[in-house]
Amino acid sequence: MGKSNNDKLQGTLTLLVLRTLETRGPLHGYGLCAHIQSVSTDLLRVEEGSLYPALHRMEQDRWLSSKWQVTDKGRKAKFYAITERGRAQLALEKESWERLTRGVSQVLQYS
């Protein structure tokens, strides 16, 4: 039985979150999910059950900072922002992703 898209996404969640926060600035969890889904034209869907533990871990690793703010809809939400340490990790994550995709591409092209 093959992996679902959510299983495949789990390995890239850190990369996607850090990159989104780097480009978009501080966002709350729902905003992160919506942005990733929108930019990927609905190909990637981040489940809350995966996102919030990942955000917590990244905050513990000091790749993210957070603060409570009021959303556009008047609700209180925790907004996450990338830190300098997070930017350094993002560079490592990008490099790792590029190596992985290069390797997979080489295998697919092998004849």
C-alpha atoms as a PDB file:
ATOM      1  CA  MET A   1       0.000   0.000   0.000  1.00  0.00           C
ATOM      2  CA  GLY A   2       1.468   3.384  -1.030  1.00  0.00           C
ATOM      3  CA  LYS A   3       1.956   6.409   1.134  1.00  0.00           C
ATOM      4  CA  SER A   4      -0.724   9.073   1.155  1.00  0.00           C
ATOM      5  CA  ASN A   5       0.130  12.625   0.148  1.00  0.00           C
ATOM      6  CA  ASN A   6       0.012  13.599   3.833  1.00  0.00           C
ATOM      7  CA  ASP A   7       2.673  10.976   4.668  1.00  0.00           C
ATOM      8  CA  LYS A   8       4.896  12.294   1.891  1.00  0.00           C
ATOM      9  CA  LEU A   9       4.295  15.878   3.018  1.00  0.00           C
ATOM     10  CA  GLN A  10       5.398  15.122   6.589  1.00  0.00           C
ATOM     11  CA  GLY A  11       9.047  14.898   5.531  1.00  0.00           C
ATOM     12  CA  THR A  12       8.927  18.342   3.943  1.00  0.00           C
ATOM     13  CA  LEU A  13       6.767  20.143   6.486  1.00  0.00           C
ATOM     14  CA  THR A  14       9.669  21.960   8.169  1.00  0.00           C
ATOM     15  CA  LEU A  15      10.905  23.207   4.797  1.00  0.00           C
ATOM     16  CA  LEU A  16       7.426  24.384   3.765  1.00  0.00           C
ATOM     17  CA  VAL A  17       6.693  26.148   7.059  1.00  0.00           C
ATOM     18  CA  LEU A  18      10.056  27.908   7.275  1.00  0.00           C
ATOM     19  CA  ARG A  19       9.905  29.009   3.640  1.00  0.00           C
ATOM     20  CA  THR A  20       6.340  30.279   4.013  1.00  0.00           C
ATOM     21  CA  LEU A  21       7.217  32.320   7.084  1.00  0.00           C
ATOM     22  CA  GLU A  22      10.340  33.654   5.365  1.00  0.00           C
ATOM     23  CA  THR A  23       8.334  34.920   2.404  1.00  0.00           C
ATOM     24  CA  ARG A  24       5.022  35.858   4.033  1.00  0.00           C
ATOM     25  CA  GLY A  25       6.065  37.040   7.479  1.00  0.00           C
ATOM     26  CA  PRO A  26       4.301  36.044  10.696  1.00  0.00           C
ATOM     27  CA  LEU A  27       1.247  33.802  10.294  1.00  0.00           C
ATOM     28  CA  HIS A  28      -1.024  31.735  12.508  1.00  0.00           C
ATOM     29  CA  GLY A  29      -1.484  28.010  11.924  1.00  0.00           C
ATOM     30  CA  TYR A  30      -4.561  28.308   9.740  1.00  0.00           C
ATOM     31  CA  GLY A  31      -2.826  30.987   7.648  1.00  0.00           C
ATOM     32  CA  LEU A  32       0.154  28.675   7.120  1.00  0.00           C
ATOM     33  CA  CYS A  33      -2.096  25.809   6.013  1.00  0.00           C
ATOM     34  CA  ALA A  34      -4.117  28.042   3.697  1.00  0.00           C
ATOM     35  CA  HIS A  35      -1.016  29.588   2.107  1.00  0.00           C
ATOM     36  CA  ILE A  36       0.687  26.250   1.414  1.00  0.00           C
ATOM     37  CA  GLN A  37      -2.526  24.822  -0.022  1.00  0.00           C
ATOM     38  CA  SER A  38      -3.149  27.898  -2.165  1.00  0.00           C
ATOM     39  CA  VAL A  39       0.386  28.252  -3.545  1.00  0.00           C
ATOM     40  CA  SER A  40       0.508  24.531  -4.370  1.00  0.00           C
ATOM     41  CA  THR A  41      -2.846  24.838  -6.179  1.00  0.00           C
ATOM     42  CA  ASP A  42      -4.394  22.362  -3.739  1.00  0.00           C
ATOM     43  CA  LEU A  43      -1.715  19.710  -4.331  1.00  0.00           C
ATOM     44  CA  LEU A  44      -0.452  20.014  -0.750  1.00  0.00           C
ATOM     45  CA  ARG A  45      -2.734  20.002   2.271  1.00  0.00           C
ATOM     46  CA  VAL A  46      -1.263  20.348   5.724  1.00  0.00           C
ATOM     47  CA  GLU A  47      -3.355  18.696   8.430  1.00  0.00           C
ATOM     48  CA  GLU A  48      -3.606  20.461  11.781  1.00  0.00           C
ATOM     49  CA  GLY A  49      -2.645  17.203  13.491  1.00  0.00           C
ATOM     50  CA  SER A  50       0.735  17.381  11.740  1.00  0.00           C
ATOM     51  CA  LEU A  51       1.194  21.145  11.755  1.00  0.00           C
ATOM     52  CA  TYR A  52       0.858  22.039  15.426  1.00  0.00           C
ATOM     53  CA  PRO A  53       3.297  19.421  16.767  1.00  0.00           C
ATOM     54  CA  ALA A  54       5.773  20.541  14.079  1.00  0.00           C
ATOM     55  CA  LEU A  55       5.329  24.213  15.025  1.00  0.00           C
ATOM     56  CA  HIS A  56       5.858  23.337  18.684  1.00  0.00           C
ATOM     57  CA  ARG A  57       9.049  21.414  17.863  1.00  0.00           C
ATOM     58  CA  MET A  58      10.383  24.239  15.660  1.00  0.00           C
ATOM     59  CA  GLU A  59       9.637  26.727  18.423  1.00  0.00           C
ATOM     60  CA  GLN A  60      11.525  24.548  20.936  1.00  0.00           C
ATOM     61  CA  ASP A  61      14.456  24.405  18.477  1.00  0.00           C
ATOM     62  CA  ARG A  62      14.260  28.229  18.337  1.00  0.00           C
ATOM     63  CA  TRP A  63      13.667  28.224  14.577  1.00  0.00           C
ATOM     64  CA  LEU A  64      10.401  30.050  15.250  1.00  0.00           C
ATOM     65  CA  SER A  65       9.217  32.642  17.701  1.00  0.00           C
ATOM     66  CA  SER A  66       5.563  33.182  18.509  1.00  0.00           C
ATOM     67  CA  LYS A  67       3.189  35.648  20.090  1.00  0.00           C
ATOM     68  CA  TRP A  68      -0.520  35.884  20.609  1.00  0.00           C
ATOM     69  CA  GLN A  69      -2.297  38.414  18.403  1.00  0.00           C
ATOM     70  CA  VAL A  70      -5.768  39.141  17.142  1.00  0.00           C
ATOM     71  CA  THR A  71      -6.590  37.898  13.627  1.00  0.00           C
ATOM     72  CA  ASP A  72      -8.374  39.885  10.926  1.00  0.00           C
ATOM     73  CA  LYS A  73     -11.571  38.164  12.116  1.00  0.00           C
ATOM     74  CA  GLY A  74     -11.107  39.372  15.685  1.00  0.00           C
ATOM     75  CA  ARG A  75      -9.994  36.042  17.130  1.00  0.00           C
ATOM     76  CA  LYS A  76      -6.961  35.501  19.304  1.00  0.00           C
ATOM     77  CA  ALA A  77      -4.350  33.255  17.630  1.00  0.00           C
ATOM     78  CA  LYS A  78      -0.709  32.364  18.034  1.00  0.00           C
ATOM     79  CA  PHE A  79       1.342  33.905  15.223  1.00  0.00           C
ATOM     80  CA  TYR A  80       4.658  32.319  14.272  1.00  0.00           C
ATOM     81  CA  ALA A  81       7.703  34.074  12.797  1.00  0.00           C
ATOM     82  CA  ILE A  82      10.990  32.669  11.514  1.00  0.00           C
ATOM     83  CA  THR A  83      14.086  33.495  13.573  1.00  0.00           C
ATOM     84  CA  GLU A  84      17.695  33.898  12.419  1.00  0.00           C
ATOM     85  CA  ARG A  85      18.320  30.369  13.622  1.00  0.00           C
ATOM     86  CA  GLY A  86      15.309  29.303  11.544  1.00  0.00           C
ATOM     87  CA  ARG A  87      16.747  31.012   8.468  1.00  0.00           C
ATOM     88  CA  ALA A  88      19.963  29.028   8.904  1.00  0.00           C
ATOM     89  CA  GLN A  89      17.921  25.822   9.226  1.00  0.00           C
ATOM     90  CA  LEU A  90      15.918  26.759   6.138  1.00  0.00           C
ATOM     91  CA  ALA A  91      19.150  26.974   4.127  1.00  0.00           C
ATOM     92  CA  LEU A  92      20.065  23.460   5.310  1.00  0.00           C
ATOM     93  CA  GLU A  93      16.580  22.143   4.553  1.00  0.00           C
ATOM     94  CA  LYS A  94      16.670  23.623   1.023  1.00  0.00           C
ATOM     95  CA  GLU A  95      20.076  22.088   0.358  1.00  0.00           C
ATOM     96  CA  SER A  96      18.890  18.698   1.593  1.00  0.00           C
ATOM     97  CA  TRP A  97      15.724  18.907  -0.540  1.00  0.00           C
ATOM     98  CA  GLU A  98      17.742  19.807  -3.645  1.00  0.00           C
ATOM     99  CA  ARG A  99      20.096  16.844  -3.088  1.00  0.00           C
ATOM    100  CA  LEU A 100      17.161  14.496  -2.590  1.00  0.00           C
ATOM    101  CA  THR A 101      15.276  15.649  -5.677  1.00  0.00           C
ATOM    102  CA  ARG A 102      18.474  15.516  -7.760  1.00  0.00           C
ATOM    103  CA  GLY A 103      19.080  11.928  -6.632  1.00  0.00           C
ATOM    104  CA  VAL A 104      15.502  10.849  -7.306  1.00  0.00           C
ATOM    105  CA  SER A 105      15.635  12.494 -10.729  1.00  0.00           C
ATOM    106  CA  GLN A 106      18.855  10.644 -11.582  1.00  0.00           C
ATOM    107  CA  VAL A 107      17.299   7.331 -10.633  1.00  0.00           C
ATOM    108  CA  LEU A 108      14.157   8.045 -12.669  1.00  0.00           C
ATOM    109  CA  GLN A 109      16.235   8.982 -15.708  1.00  0.00           C
ATOM    110  CA  TYR A 110      18.544   5.955 -15.482  1.00  0.00           C
ATOM    111  CA  SER A 111      18.181   3.603 -18.436  1.00  0.00           C
END
